[in-house]
Structure formats: structure tokens, C-alpha cells
């Protein structure tokens, strides 16, 4: 497949903010793509080379990319740097520099998707003291034969700056139309993706066999399942009503959700965003085979930092000491953990996700072998039938160092990749008038003044609407940031600057810069109000009005373990707004 077909589609997608047009471009591209190339095309649409859980990274520095552009164009590295500074994007700079070369040389040679992908994989696998020089030669060989547009997108893929405004939901819609004939095929594609976390493999199977290709996917050990998520509950009475008058309550621990896979003489650990994090948990690798009574199993749990004698839970931030690039061994010794298992998805060749929660919990309790030092156990749980009993369990969990409770319907199957009312989270009251925090996506920034000059002084935040796959603004936040927070966020956000509003973002405000919707931060506020400017939950409370946070404040917590699609939803904001109104009426009475 000619790479020009892919780079041309990338260019058209980059030039539109219309979801409909993006989908139409994708449908045309996928129909044009040979079936055996489809997986590679879909990975590259995601800005990747392999599914996220494999952790394949290109690892090329900007300086090396500049050298490769200079080598291929005949320009000096200094002139490439000047073009980079002028364009604000190294891919766009490469396009400008190589356009000049093309005007004075023969036409570029044909270059294929297969060749580009294979070269990028070789770059990702290059290691050793001379690896950067080898990577420069690989990149230069591609740029020598690519046209200017192709060079632009090769560089964007290399540097992780390909931001087309398409996400998994849009790709799945396009796959359904292109290879099953209508959007009705989306359900089978999504189900396959939910159990495999590999959209490229699913796409290729669908390209070869239609919906039947998707239906062939099942759960496998060492391939993460996309996690089931919970909705928020505001109070015990409402939560119990949603659960039909009876449910199981579990401690909601302030740790990291982990999916532990045991089988084939090894252990894999995945985060809630399906990133493989095995290297951060050598203690789980060592002890899980003894703690889980099965030859093959997939269990979910919460890894929580503990004090030295494992008698007290520590805050989430203490656990994150393990996520540093170096010193994992020291962090493991200094911050021991307890793994609190709460679900089982697969046991000895048998998927059990379709079993009701009550049956899965029985399986779990039979599988987990608690040890003397509290390293592995089933998460504390109690069956509750009254609001008073639920309130007592909330107090018990908070006294144990938790942040609230999880509520689970006894009849609920494990619905991979979905959020619904079969699972609810009831968190303790935060010290703010709203009564809860929200996890919001950073979609824009406003430049700071005074001591904040040179950073983003205020951020534009959004909720996520899963039904529309859209991020809708709900507030600007400029308080709660320390100088260290501002520096850290500037470093995180600057690579995510996009030239125009992402196609999945909507707001009545125009920030100084737009960001790709990827970073999630935790915010508290005094209340939620109606807004004609912010578009979160537009029309849900009053026609022509969305919802906005009043006096929002950053809590200091960047939710790096959460993807943007795991952020708080407009529905959650509506629930908090209505509860707030109800509380105000009750107070007036």
C-alpha cells in the first residue's frame, strides 16, 4: 500500500474538526487498505506501532530527528532548528524543508506503508550506545524516499505528535461501516476490543472476515481486558434504590487498580488504562503464583501502599514512588503493598465474566490464599440491605483509611470496557461544598501573568460524554496550583498542543492554546451552576444551558492512571447538580 494514501488521509483528517467528515475519511481509507495491512494502519492511526499494553516505544530524541532531516535535505541542523521554531512542530518543519529539496531534485521514490511500519519497528527495537546514530540512518532512509507530506507524518509518528482528533470510538465506527456494511457491526467490534485491548488485531480480523472475525475474539491470559467502570452515587438511599434494595459493598481503597494475569509460568500486571506495569511490582510477580490457587487466572484488585508492618494503608501518592524510572527496588522495600482482589475474569481456561457478581465473588474467595503478612487478600466486603447499614460500612471503610465504598449488584456480569449502574462508587465527603471531586480533562490553556509568565496560568477543563465521544468544557481552573504543579503541567501539556480544536472537543470559550484531550486532573468546587458558555451536559437541566463549576480548585492530583475517556461524565455533573439543589431545598425547609 502506498504510504501516500495514508499520509494523504492523515492530512485531510488534520484539516477538519468535523466528526462526520473524519469518519467518512476513515471509512474511505479502511476500504482502500489491503486486509493484511489493516492492523498496521490502525496502529498508526492511534499514533502507535503495537497495542498499548506491549509498551513499544520509538525512543528517538528531537535532536536525532533534526539530524535526520538535515541529512536527507542537505540543510544544516541550525536551519532545521529555525524551521522547527517557526512552525512549532518538527513534522511541519520537515515538510517545509523537504519541499525545497523536492523542487530542485527528481521526484521522490515510491514508499509503502509496509516499509514505513517495518522501519519504525526497527527504530523501536534499536538498543545500545550507538542506537541513536542507527535510528538517524533509518529515519533518513525514509525521508530520502518520502514526499514532503509523507515526511511530515513520518516525523509525527516518530515523535508521538500525530494528533488527528480520532479516537477508538471513531475508528470502530469507521471499521463497522467499511467492513460490515453499517454501524450495526460496531457492537461486535467493540466487544472484541474490550476483551483483547488490541484494536489493530480486531481491525485486521474484521477486514478479513467481517463481523465474524470480531466474534472470534475471547479472553486470553497476558492480554489485558478493558476494565469495567462504576458510576457515582451521591447518597446511600439513592444508591440502594438503584441496586434494587440489596447489594454488596466493598472498601474503595486509595491505590492503583491492577489486573493480574497468571499463566504460562509467568505473571503480568496491567493498569486500569491497560498499560503493562509488571516492572513496578516485582513483589506481585514473585508472590502471585502462591497467592492464587489456579494454574491460569486473571484477577482484578487494588494495590495499596502500606506502612512497614502492613497495618495501615498509605495514600496513593506513596505508591507512585514505584513509578520512577530508577530505584524501583528501593521503593518496593520502602513502600510495601497489599493486593486486595475484588474480581475474577478467567480461571484455568474458562472465562467467567458472564457469571453474576455473586458467583464470581465466591470463585474469588476460593481462589485467593490470604497470607500471614496481609500481602494478598480479598477486599473487605459486606452485603447491605438498608441505607443505615450502608452508612455504617462507609464509616468503617473511612476508619480503615479508605476513601469510600464500591457497591455492586449481585446479578451483574463483568461488562468489560463499560460504565454503568451495576457498579456504583460512594466516596467520602471531601472538604468542599460540592461534596465530591471530579476528574476532568485538560482541553485548553491560558497563558499566565506575573509569576506565572512562561506557563499556563489557567486551564480549560472538560467532562467526557461516552455516548457522543466528546469532551465538553465545564470550567476554567487557576487556583490550587503550586509553582511545582505549574512546571509539571507545562511539561506534560506542551507536547500536546494542537493547532486547532480537537474534533472531539467542544467549548464556548477560545483558550490561548488547545490541547489534545489526554491529561486528567482532579478538581473540587463550591457548587455547580447553569452556564450558557460551558457545554457539559448541554440541555440536560435547562434548554440552551450547560453546567459549570463555581470556584473550582486543583487538588494537586494528576490522574496519570486514568485515560481521558475515564474522566467524569456530564451525567455525573448533572447528578451532583440535582443533589445540590435537593440539599438546598431541604435546608430551606
Foldseek 3Di string as FASTA:
>chain_A
DFVCLLLVLLVVLLVDLALVVNLVSLLVSLLVDDLVCQLCSVQVVVLHLFQQQVPQALPADPLLVLVLLCVQLVHDSVVLVVLCVVVVASLVSSLVSQQVSPVVDPAAATDHSVLLSVLSSVSSPQDDDCSSVVNSVSLNVVSNRDHSSSSSSSVCSNVVLSASLDDPVSNLQSLCCNQVVHSVLSVLLVQLCQQQSTNSCSSSLCNVPNSVSSNPHDHDFPGDGQAEAEAADAALVVLCVLLVQKWKKFFAAQAWKWKWWAAPLWIWIAGNVSHTPCVLCVVCGVCVVVFFAARTWIWIWGKFWAQQQRQATDHHVLSCVSVDPDDSVVSCNGTPIATATEFTQDGDHDGQLQAFSLVRRVVVQVTGDQDDSRNYYHTDMDMDRDSVVQVVVQVVSVVRVTFGIKIAHRGHGGDGPYYDSRIYTYGAADPAQLRDKFKWWFWAFAQDDDVRHPFGQKTWTFAADVVLRATWTAEIERAADDPVNRVVVRVVFSSFWRPDGRSRYDWLDDHPTTGNGWWIFMKDARAKDWALTTPACAPVVHHNTAIHGHHIHTNSDTPPSDGNNPTHHSVSNVVSRVVSVVVVVVVVD
